[in-house]
Amino acid sequence: MWTTCLVFFSLVLLLGYLYAHWVSSRFNATKQAVIHILLLTAALLTLGIHIRPSPAAVSYHPALTVFRVLVTVIGLPYLALSATTPC
């Protein structure tokens, strides 16, 4: 399970960096701010999601179940956090 979590966080961190690079290279500062505020708002709205994996999903493959739970519960907030910089 540790490896699954490590892969998830590394992958989402990389996706956040790619998102930040894509937005900064395609849009002006005003549009960047609007797009990022929309992403942060969507991430804020997904923070309260709690799921309970079905027993069939857990018994199928535990690593995939953990990955799915991580994506569903903290995927978007972590992506938004990884793309946010203080500059």
PDB file of N, CA and C in Angstrom:
ATOM      1  N   MET A   1       0.808  -1.188   0.000  1.00  0.00           N
ATOM      2  CA  MET A   1       0.000   0.000   0.000  1.00  0.00           C
ATOM      3  C   MET A   1       0.860   1.264   0.000  1.00  0.00           C
ATOM      4  N   TRP A   2       2.042   1.186   0.636  1.00  0.00           N
ATOM      5  CA  TRP A   2       2.925   2.342   0.657  1.00  0.00           C
ATOM      6  C   TRP A   2       3.316   2.732  -0.769  1.00  0.00           C
ATOM      7  N   THR A   3       3.620   1.758  -1.581  1.00  0.00           N
ATOM      8  CA  THR A   3       4.014   2.035  -2.960  1.00  0.00           C
ATOM      9  C   THR A   3       2.867   2.660  -3.733  1.00  0.00           C
ATOM     10  N   THR A   4       1.658   2.193  -3.498  1.00  0.00           N
ATOM     11  CA  THR A   4       0.490   2.760  -4.169  1.00  0.00           C
ATOM     12  C   THR A   4       0.316   4.227  -3.793  1.00  0.00           C
ATOM     13  N   CYS A   5       0.438   4.544  -2.523  1.00  0.00           N
ATOM     14  CA  CYS A   5       0.329   5.941  -2.080  1.00  0.00           C
ATOM     15  C   CYS A   5       1.452   6.787  -2.652  1.00  0.00           C
ATOM     16  N   LEU A   6       2.658   6.246  -2.680  1.00  0.00           N
ATOM     17  CA  LEU A   6       3.794   6.970  -3.225  1.00  0.00           C
ATOM     18  C   LEU A   6       3.592   7.264  -4.713  1.00  0.00           C
ATOM     19  N   VAL A   7       3.107   6.292  -5.456  1.00  0.00           N
ATOM     20  CA  VAL A   7       2.828   6.492  -6.879  1.00  0.00           C
ATOM     21  C   VAL A   7       1.727   7.535  -7.059  1.00  0.00           C
ATOM     22  N   PHE A   8       0.681   7.450  -6.261  1.00  0.00           N
ATOM     23  CA  PHE A   8      -0.410   8.420  -6.382  1.00  0.00           C
ATOM     24  C   PHE A   8       0.084   9.841  -6.153  1.00  0.00           C
ATOM     25  N   PHE A   9       0.768  10.084  -5.037  1.00  0.00           N
ATOM     26  CA  PHE A   9       1.202  11.440  -4.715  1.00  0.00           C
ATOM     27  C   PHE A   9       2.234  11.958  -5.715  1.00  0.00           C
ATOM     28  N   SER A  10       3.124  11.101  -6.181  1.00  0.00           N
ATOM     29  CA  SER A  10       4.095  11.527  -7.190  1.00  0.00           C
ATOM     30  C   SER A  10       3.414  11.855  -8.508  1.00  0.00           C
ATOM     31  N   LEU A  11       2.465  11.046  -8.911  1.00  0.00           N
ATOM     32  CA  LEU A  11       1.756  11.272 -10.168  1.00  0.00           C
ATOM     33  C   LEU A  11       0.928  12.552 -10.119  1.00  0.00           C
ATOM     34  N   VAL A  12       0.212  12.777  -9.036  1.00  0.00           N
ATOM     35  CA  VAL A  12      -0.615  13.977  -8.934  1.00  0.00           C
ATOM     36  C   VAL A  12       0.258  15.226  -8.796  1.00  0.00           C
ATOM     37  N   LEU A  13       1.390  15.121  -8.121  1.00  0.00           N
ATOM     38  CA  LEU A  13       2.322  16.245  -8.049  1.00  0.00           C
ATOM     39  C   LEU A  13       2.834  16.601  -9.439  1.00  0.00           C
ATOM     40  N   LEU A  14       3.196  15.600 -10.221  1.00  0.00           N
ATOM     41  CA  LEU A  14       3.641  15.838 -11.592  1.00  0.00           C
ATOM     42  C   LEU A  14       2.527  16.450 -12.430  1.00  0.00           C
ATOM     43  N   LEU A  15       1.303  15.957 -12.290  1.00  0.00           N
ATOM     44  CA  LEU A  15       0.167  16.531 -13.023  1.00  0.00           C
ATOM     45  C   LEU A  15      -0.078  17.982 -12.614  1.00  0.00           C
ATOM     46  N   GLY A  16       0.098  18.296 -11.343  1.00  0.00           N
ATOM     47  CA  GLY A  16      -0.038  19.677 -10.891  1.00  0.00           C
ATOM     48  C   GLY A  16       1.011  20.586 -11.504  1.00  0.00           C
ATOM     49  N   TYR A  17       2.245  20.091 -11.591  1.00  0.00           N
ATOM     50  CA  TYR A  17       3.301  20.869 -12.239  1.00  0.00           C
ATOM     51  C   TYR A  17       3.007  21.065 -13.718  1.00  0.00           C
ATOM     52  N   LEU A  18       2.526  20.012 -14.378  1.00  0.00           N
ATOM     53  CA  LEU A  18       2.175  20.123 -15.794  1.00  0.00           C
ATOM     54  C   LEU A  18       1.022  21.096 -16.010  1.00  0.00           C
ATOM     55  N   TYR A  19       0.029  21.043 -15.142  1.00  0.00           N
ATOM     56  CA  TYR A  19      -1.093  21.986 -15.222  1.00  0.00           C
ATOM     57  C   TYR A  19      -0.600  23.425 -15.063  1.00  0.00           C
ATOM     58  N   ALA A  20       0.257  23.674 -14.075  1.00  0.00           N
ATOM     59  CA  ALA A  20       0.770  25.020 -13.836  1.00  0.00           C
ATOM     60  C   ALA A  20       1.584  25.515 -15.033  1.00  0.00           C
ATOM     61  N   HIS A  21       2.384  24.645 -15.598  1.00  0.00           N
ATOM     62  CA  HIS A  21       3.169  25.022 -16.774  1.00  0.00           C
ATOM     63  C   HIS A  21       2.251  25.306 -17.963  1.00  0.00           C
ATOM     64  N   TRP A  22       1.268  24.463 -18.163  1.00  0.00           N
ATOM     65  CA  TRP A  22       0.343  24.638 -19.290  1.00  0.00           C
ATOM     66  C   TRP A  22      -0.425  25.952 -19.163  1.00  0.00           C
ATOM     67  N   VAL A  23      -0.958  26.229 -17.982  1.00  0.00           N
ATOM     68  CA  VAL A  23      -1.734  27.459 -17.793  1.00  0.00           C
ATOM     69  C   VAL A  23      -0.845  28.692 -17.955  1.00  0.00           C
ATOM     70  N   SER A  24       0.354  28.639 -17.398  1.00  0.00           N
ATOM     71  CA  SER A  24       1.223  29.825 -17.484  1.00  0.00           C
ATOM     72  C   SER A  24       1.748  30.069 -18.883  1.00  0.00           C
ATOM     73  N   SER A  25       1.848  29.031 -19.704  1.00  0.00           N
ATOM     74  CA  SER A  25       2.360  29.224 -21.057  1.00  0.00           C
ATOM     75  C   SER A  25       1.258  29.553 -22.070  1.00  0.00           C
ATOM     76  N   ARG A  26      -0.001  29.324 -21.731  1.00  0.00           N
ATOM     77  CA  ARG A  26      -1.092  29.523 -22.690  1.00  0.00           C
ATOM     78  C   ARG A  26      -1.931  30.779 -22.457  1.00  0.00           C
ATOM     79  N   PHE A  27      -2.000  31.245 -21.216  1.00  0.00           N
ATOM     80  CA  PHE A  27      -2.939  32.312 -20.878  1.00  0.00           C
ATOM     81  C   PHE A  27      -2.218  33.495 -20.239  1.00  0.00           C
ATOM     82  N   ASN A  28      -2.859  34.669 -20.325  1.00  0.00           N
ATOM     83  CA  ASN A  28      -2.311  35.843 -19.644  1.00  0.00           C
ATOM     84  C   ASN A  28      -2.627  35.748 -18.150  1.00  0.00           C
ATOM     85  N   ALA A  29      -2.114  36.684 -17.388  1.00  0.00           N
ATOM     86  CA  ALA A  29      -2.214  36.608 -15.928  1.00  0.00           C
ATOM     87  C   ALA A  29      -3.658  36.621 -15.429  1.00  0.00           C
ATOM     88  N   THR A  30      -4.520  37.403 -16.066  1.00  0.00           N
ATOM     89  CA  THR A  30      -5.916  37.476 -15.630  1.00  0.00           C
ATOM     90  C   THR A  30      -6.624  36.145 -15.842  1.00  0.00           C
ATOM     91  N   LYS A  31      -6.446  35.563 -17.021  1.00  0.00           N
ATOM     92  CA  LYS A  31      -7.086  34.266 -17.294  1.00  0.00           C
ATOM     93  C   LYS A  31      -6.493  33.164 -16.426  1.00  0.00           C
ATOM     94  N   GLN A  32      -5.198  33.241 -16.153  1.00  0.00           N
ATOM     95  CA  GLN A  32      -4.569  32.270 -15.254  1.00  0.00           C
ATOM     96  C   GLN A  32      -5.224  32.306 -13.883  1.00  0.00           C
ATOM     97  N   ALA A  33      -5.440  33.504 -13.378  1.00  0.00           N
ATOM     98  CA  ALA A  33      -6.050  33.660 -12.056  1.00  0.00           C
ATOM     99  C   ALA A  33      -7.466  33.104 -12.042  1.00  0.00           C
ATOM    100  N   VAL A  34      -8.237  33.395 -13.079  1.00  0.00           N
ATOM    101  CA  VAL A  34      -9.614  32.904 -13.147  1.00  0.00           C
ATOM    102  C   VAL A  34      -9.642  31.384 -13.217  1.00  0.00           C
ATOM    103  N   ILE A  35      -8.814  30.811 -14.066  1.00  0.00           N
ATOM    104  CA  ILE A  35      -8.774  29.347 -14.204  1.00  0.00           C
ATOM    105  C   ILE A  35      -8.357  28.699 -12.892  1.00  0.00           C
ATOM    106  N   HIS A  36      -7.345  29.260 -12.245  1.00  0.00           N
ATOM    107  CA  HIS A  36      -6.871  28.658 -11.001  1.00  0.00           C
ATOM    108  C   HIS A  36      -7.879  28.832  -9.860  1.00  0.00           C
ATOM    109  N   ILE A  37      -8.561  29.940  -9.817  1.00  0.00           N
ATOM    110  CA  ILE A  37      -9.620  30.127  -8.810  1.00  0.00           C
ATOM    111  C   ILE A  37     -10.737  29.123  -9.026  1.00  0.00           C
ATOM    112  N   LEU A  38     -11.085  28.849 -10.285  1.00  0.00           N
ATOM    113  CA  LEU A  38     -12.094  27.820 -10.563  1.00  0.00           C
ATOM    114  C   LEU A  38     -11.621  26.445 -10.103  1.00  0.00           C
ATOM    115  N   LEU A  39     -10.355  26.130 -10.340  1.00  0.00           N
ATOM    116  CA  LEU A  39      -9.812  24.851  -9.880  1.00  0.00           C
ATOM    117  C   LEU A  39      -9.820  24.772  -8.356  1.00  0.00           C
ATOM    118  N   LEU A  40      -9.410  25.846  -7.688  1.00  0.00           N
ATOM    119  CA  LEU A  40      -9.414  25.850  -6.223  1.00  0.00           C
ATOM    120  C   LEU A  40     -10.825  25.726  -5.660  1.00  0.00           C
ATOM    121  N   THR A  41     -11.799  26.363  -6.323  1.00  0.00           N
ATOM    122  CA  THR A  41     -13.190  26.249  -5.883  1.00  0.00           C
ATOM    123  C   THR A  41     -13.688  24.821  -6.040  1.00  0.00           C
ATOM    124  N   ALA A  42     -13.395  24.199  -7.179  1.00  0.00           N
ATOM    125  CA  ALA A  42     -13.793  22.801  -7.386  1.00  0.00           C
ATOM    126  C   ALA A  42     -13.126  21.891  -6.364  1.00  0.00           C
ATOM    127  N   ALA A  43     -11.863  22.152  -6.058  1.00  0.00           N
ATOM    128  CA  ALA A  43     -11.159  21.353  -5.060  1.00  0.00           C
ATOM    129  C   ALA A  43     -11.764  21.539  -3.676  1.00  0.00           C
ATOM    130  N   LEU A  44     -12.144  22.758  -3.356  1.00  0.00           N
ATOM    131  CA  LEU A  44     -12.773  23.026  -2.065  1.00  0.00           C
ATOM    132  C   LEU A  44     -14.110  22.308  -1.944  1.00  0.00           C
ATOM    133  N   LEU A  45     -14.858  22.245  -3.025  1.00  0.00           N
ATOM    134  CA  LEU A  45     -16.152  21.565  -3.002  1.00  0.00           C
ATOM    135  C   LEU A  45     -16.016  20.055  -2.858  1.00  0.00           C
ATOM    136  N   THR A  46     -14.893  19.487  -3.273  1.00  0.00           N
ATOM    137  CA  THR A  46     -14.717  18.038  -3.175  1.00  0.00           C
ATOM    138  C   THR A  46     -14.085  17.592  -1.866  1.00  0.00           C
ATOM    139  N   LEU A  47     -13.739  18.516  -0.986  1.00  0.00           N
ATOM    140  CA  LEU A  47     -13.084  18.125   0.262  1.00  0.00           C
ATOM    141  C   LEU A  47     -13.982  17.304   1.189  1.00  0.00           C
ATOM    142  N   GLY A  48     -15.274  17.463   1.121  1.00  0.00           N
ATOM    143  CA  GLY A  48     -16.171  16.754   2.030  1.00  0.00           C
ATOM    144  C   GLY A  48     -16.601  15.382   1.560  1.00  0.00           C
ATOM    145  N   ILE A  49     -16.045  14.896   0.471  1.00  0.00           N
ATOM    146  CA  ILE A  49     -16.459  13.601  -0.070  1.00  0.00           C
ATOM    147  C   ILE A  49     -15.891  12.474   0.789  1.00  0.00           C
ATOM    148  N   HIS A  50     -16.761  11.595   1.209  1.00  0.00           N
ATOM    149  CA  HIS A  50     -16.361  10.382   1.922  1.00  0.00           C
ATOM    150  C   HIS A  50     -16.981   9.206   1.194  1.00  0.00           C
ATOM    151  N   ILE A  51     -16.166   8.230   0.869  1.00  0.00           N
ATOM    152  CA  ILE A  51     -16.684   7.051   0.179  1.00  0.00           C
ATOM    153  C   ILE A  51     -16.365   5.813   0.998  1.00  0.00           C
ATOM    154  N   ARG A  52     -17.165   4.830   0.788  1.00  0.00           N
ATOM    155  CA  ARG A  52     -16.940   3.529   1.408  1.00  0.00           C
ATOM    156  C   ARG A  52     -16.840   2.503   0.296  1.00  0.00           C
ATOM    157  N   PRO A  53     -15.661   1.946   0.106  1.00  0.00           N
ATOM    158  CA  PRO A  53     -15.517   0.956  -0.960  1.00  0.00           C
ATOM    159  C   PRO A  53     -16.382  -0.269  -0.696  1.00  0.00           C
ATOM    160  N   SER A  54     -16.957  -0.783  -1.737  1.00  0.00           N
ATOM    161  CA  SER A  54     -17.776  -1.984  -1.590  1.00  0.00           C
ATOM    162  C   SER A  54     -16.861  -3.175  -1.310  1.00  0.00           C
ATOM    163  N   PRO A  55     -17.377  -4.186  -0.638  1.00  0.00           N
ATOM    164  CA  PRO A  55     -16.540  -5.373  -0.362  1.00  0.00           C
ATOM    165  C   PRO A  55     -16.023  -6.044  -1.628  1.00  0.00           C
ATOM    166  N   ALA A  56     -16.799  -5.988  -2.703  1.00  0.00           N
ATOM    167  CA  ALA A  56     -16.345  -6.595  -3.961  1.00  0.00           C
ATOM    168  C   ALA A  56     -15.138  -5.843  -4.513  1.00  0.00           C
ATOM    169  N   ALA A  57     -15.148  -4.519  -4.406  1.00  0.00           N
ATOM    170  CA  ALA A  57     -14.032  -3.725  -4.914  1.00  0.00           C
ATOM    171  C   ALA A  57     -12.778  -3.945  -4.069  1.00  0.00           C
ATOM    172  N   VAL A  58     -12.933  -4.097  -2.780  1.00  0.00           N
ATOM    173  CA  VAL A  58     -11.788  -4.301  -1.903  1.00  0.00           C
ATOM    174  C   VAL A  58     -11.158  -5.664  -2.152  1.00  0.00           C
ATOM    175  N   SER A  59     -11.966  -6.663  -2.335  1.00  0.00           N
ATOM    176  CA  SER A  59     -11.426  -8.002  -2.530  1.00  0.00           C
ATOM    177  C   SER A  59     -10.852  -8.189  -3.931  1.00  0.00           C
ATOM    178  N   TYR A  60     -11.235  -7.321  -4.870  1.00  0.00           N
ATOM    179  CA  TYR A  60     -10.742  -7.460  -6.241  1.00  0.00           C
ATOM    180  C   TYR A  60      -9.241  -7.211  -6.293  1.00  0.00           C
ATOM    181  N   HIS A  61      -8.831  -6.024  -5.913  1.00  0.00           N
ATOM    182  CA  HIS A  61      -7.406  -5.701  -5.870  1.00  0.00           C
ATOM    183  C   HIS A  61      -7.199  -4.535  -4.903  1.00  0.00           C
ATOM    184  N   PRO A  62      -6.578  -4.772  -3.781  1.00  0.00           N
ATOM    185  CA  PRO A  62      -6.445  -3.727  -2.755  1.00  0.00           C
ATOM    186  C   PRO A  62      -5.702  -2.478  -3.240  1.00  0.00           C
ATOM    187  N   ALA A  63      -4.673  -2.630  -4.043  1.00  0.00           N
ATOM    188  CA  ALA A  63      -3.918  -1.466  -4.504  1.00  0.00           C
ATOM    189  C   ALA A  63      -4.780  -0.560  -5.383  1.00  0.00           C
ATOM    190  N   LEU A  64      -5.574  -1.148  -6.254  1.00  0.00           N
ATOM    191  CA  LEU A  64      -6.473  -0.351  -7.094  1.00  0.00           C
ATOM    192  C   LEU A  64      -7.544   0.327  -6.257  1.00  0.00           C
ATOM    193  N   THR A  65      -8.006  -0.340  -5.220  1.00  0.00           N
ATOM    194  CA  THR A  65      -9.004   0.254  -4.334  1.00  0.00           C
ATOM    195  C   THR A  65      -8.424   1.463  -3.607  1.00  0.00           C
ATOM    196  N   VAL A  66      -7.209   1.331  -3.091  1.00  0.00           N
ATOM    197  CA  VAL A  66      -6.563   2.450  -2.413  1.00  0.00           C
ATOM    198  C   VAL A  66      -6.348   3.602  -3.383  1.00  0.00           C
ATOM    199  N   PHE A  67      -5.890   3.303  -4.591  1.00  0.00           N
ATOM    200  CA  PHE A  67      -5.660   4.340  -5.592  1.00  0.00           C
ATOM    201  C   PHE A  67      -6.966   5.058  -5.936  1.00  0.00           C
ATOM    202  N   ARG A  68      -8.050   4.304  -6.097  1.00  0.00           N
ATOM    203  CA  ARG A  68      -9.352   4.903  -6.425  1.00  0.00           C
ATOM    204  C   ARG A  68      -9.849   5.783  -5.287  1.00  0.00           C
ATOM    205  N   VAL A  69      -9.677   5.338  -4.072  1.00  0.00           N
ATOM    206  CA  VAL A  69     -10.101   6.138  -2.916  1.00  0.00           C
ATOM    207  C   VAL A  69      -9.285   7.424  -2.831  1.00  0.00           C
ATOM    208  N   LEU A  70      -7.989   7.339  -3.038  1.00  0.00           N
ATOM    209  CA  LEU A  70      -7.145   8.534  -3.008  1.00  0.00           C
ATOM    210  C   LEU A  70      -7.529   9.514  -4.108  1.00  0.00           C
ATOM    211  N   VAL A  71      -7.775   9.020  -5.299  1.00  0.00           N
ATOM    212  CA  VAL A  71      -8.180   9.897  -6.405  1.00  0.00           C
ATOM    213  C   VAL A  71      -9.505  10.573  -6.091  1.00  0.00           C
ATOM    214  N   THR A  72     -10.442   9.830  -5.559  1.00  0.00           N
ATOM    215  CA  THR A  72     -11.771  10.373  -5.295  1.00  0.00           C
ATOM    216  C   THR A  72     -11.765  11.373  -4.150  1.00  0.00           C
ATOM    217  N   VAL A  73     -11.070  11.060  -3.085  1.00  0.00           N
ATOM    218  CA  VAL A  73     -11.152  11.874  -1.882  1.00  0.00           C
ATOM    219  C   VAL A  73     -10.209  13.082  -1.920  1.00  0.00           C
ATOM    220  N   ILE A  74      -8.961  12.895  -2.299  1.00  0.00           N
ATOM    221  CA  ILE A  74      -8.017  14.016  -2.240  1.00  0.00           C
ATOM    222  C   ILE A  74      -7.304  14.302  -3.549  1.00  0.00           C
ATOM    223  N   GLY A  75      -7.732  13.718  -4.632  1.00  0.00           N
ATOM    224  CA  GLY A  75      -7.061  13.933  -5.915  1.00  0.00           C
ATOM    225  C   GLY A  75      -7.076  15.375  -6.380  1.00  0.00           C
ATOM    226  N   LEU A  76      -8.242  15.966  -6.484  1.00  0.00           N
ATOM    227  CA  LEU A  76      -8.356  17.339  -6.981  1.00  0.00           C
ATOM    228  C   LEU A  76      -7.788  18.370  -6.004  1.00  0.00           C
ATOM    229  N   PRO A  77      -8.041  18.270  -4.691  1.00  0.00           N
ATOM    230  CA  PRO A  77      -7.401  19.234  -3.780  1.00  0.00           C
ATOM    231  C   PRO A  77      -5.881  19.166  -3.800  1.00  0.00           C
ATOM    232  N   TYR A  78      -5.321  17.972  -3.908  1.00  0.00           N
ATOM    233  CA  TYR A  78      -3.865  17.852  -3.959  1.00  0.00           C
ATOM    234  C   TYR A  78      -3.316  18.393  -5.275  1.00  0.00           C
ATOM    235  N   LEU A  79      -4.027  18.171  -6.372  1.00  0.00           N
ATOM    236  CA  LEU A  79      -3.612  18.736  -7.653  1.00  0.00           C
ATOM    237  C   LEU A  79      -3.591  20.253  -7.590  1.00  0.00           C
ATOM    238  N   ALA A  80      -4.643  20.840  -7.018  1.00  0.00           N
ATOM    239  CA  ALA A  80      -4.705  22.297  -6.896  1.00  0.00           C
ATOM    240  C   ALA A  80      -3.593  22.807  -5.993  1.00  0.00           C
ATOM    241  N   LEU A  81      -3.332  22.116  -4.900  1.00  0.00           N
ATOM    242  CA  LEU A  81      -2.258  22.520  -3.987  1.00  0.00           C
ATOM    243  C   LEU A  81      -0.898  22.424  -4.657  1.00  0.00           C
ATOM    244  N   SER A  82      -0.673  21.392  -5.435  1.00  0.00           N
ATOM    245  CA  SER A  82       0.626  21.224  -6.085  1.00  0.00           C
ATOM    246  C   SER A  82       0.855  22.253  -7.177  1.00  0.00           C
ATOM    247  N   ALA A  83      -0.202  22.840  -7.700  1.00  0.00           N
ATOM    248  CA  ALA A  83      -0.052  23.849  -8.750  1.00  0.00           C
ATOM    249  C   ALA A  83      -0.024  25.269  -8.191  1.00  0.00           C
ATOM    250  N   THR A  84      -0.218  25.425  -6.899  1.00  0.00           N
ATOM    251  CA  THR A  84      -0.248  26.749  -6.278  1.00  0.00           C
ATOM    252  C   THR A  84       1.139  27.104  -5.761  1.00  0.00           C
ATOM    253  N   THR A  85       1.610  28.309  -6.124  1.00  0.00           N
ATOM    254  CA  THR A  85       2.904  28.768  -5.644  1.00  0.00           C
ATOM    255  C   THR A  85       2.738  30.134  -4.981  1.00  0.00           C
ATOM    256  N   PRO A  86       3.640  30.504  -4.098  1.00  0.00           N
ATOM    257  CA  PRO A  86       3.522  31.804  -3.442  1.00  0.00           C
ATOM    258  C   PRO A  86       3.946  32.977  -4.322  1.00  0.00           C
ATOM    259  N   CYS A  87       4.552  32.718  -5.463  1.00  0.00           N
ATOM    260  CA  CYS A  87       5.025  33.810  -6.335  1.00  0.00           C
ATOM    261  C   CYS A  87       3.906  34.435  -7.151  1.00  0.00           C
TER     262      CYS A  87
END
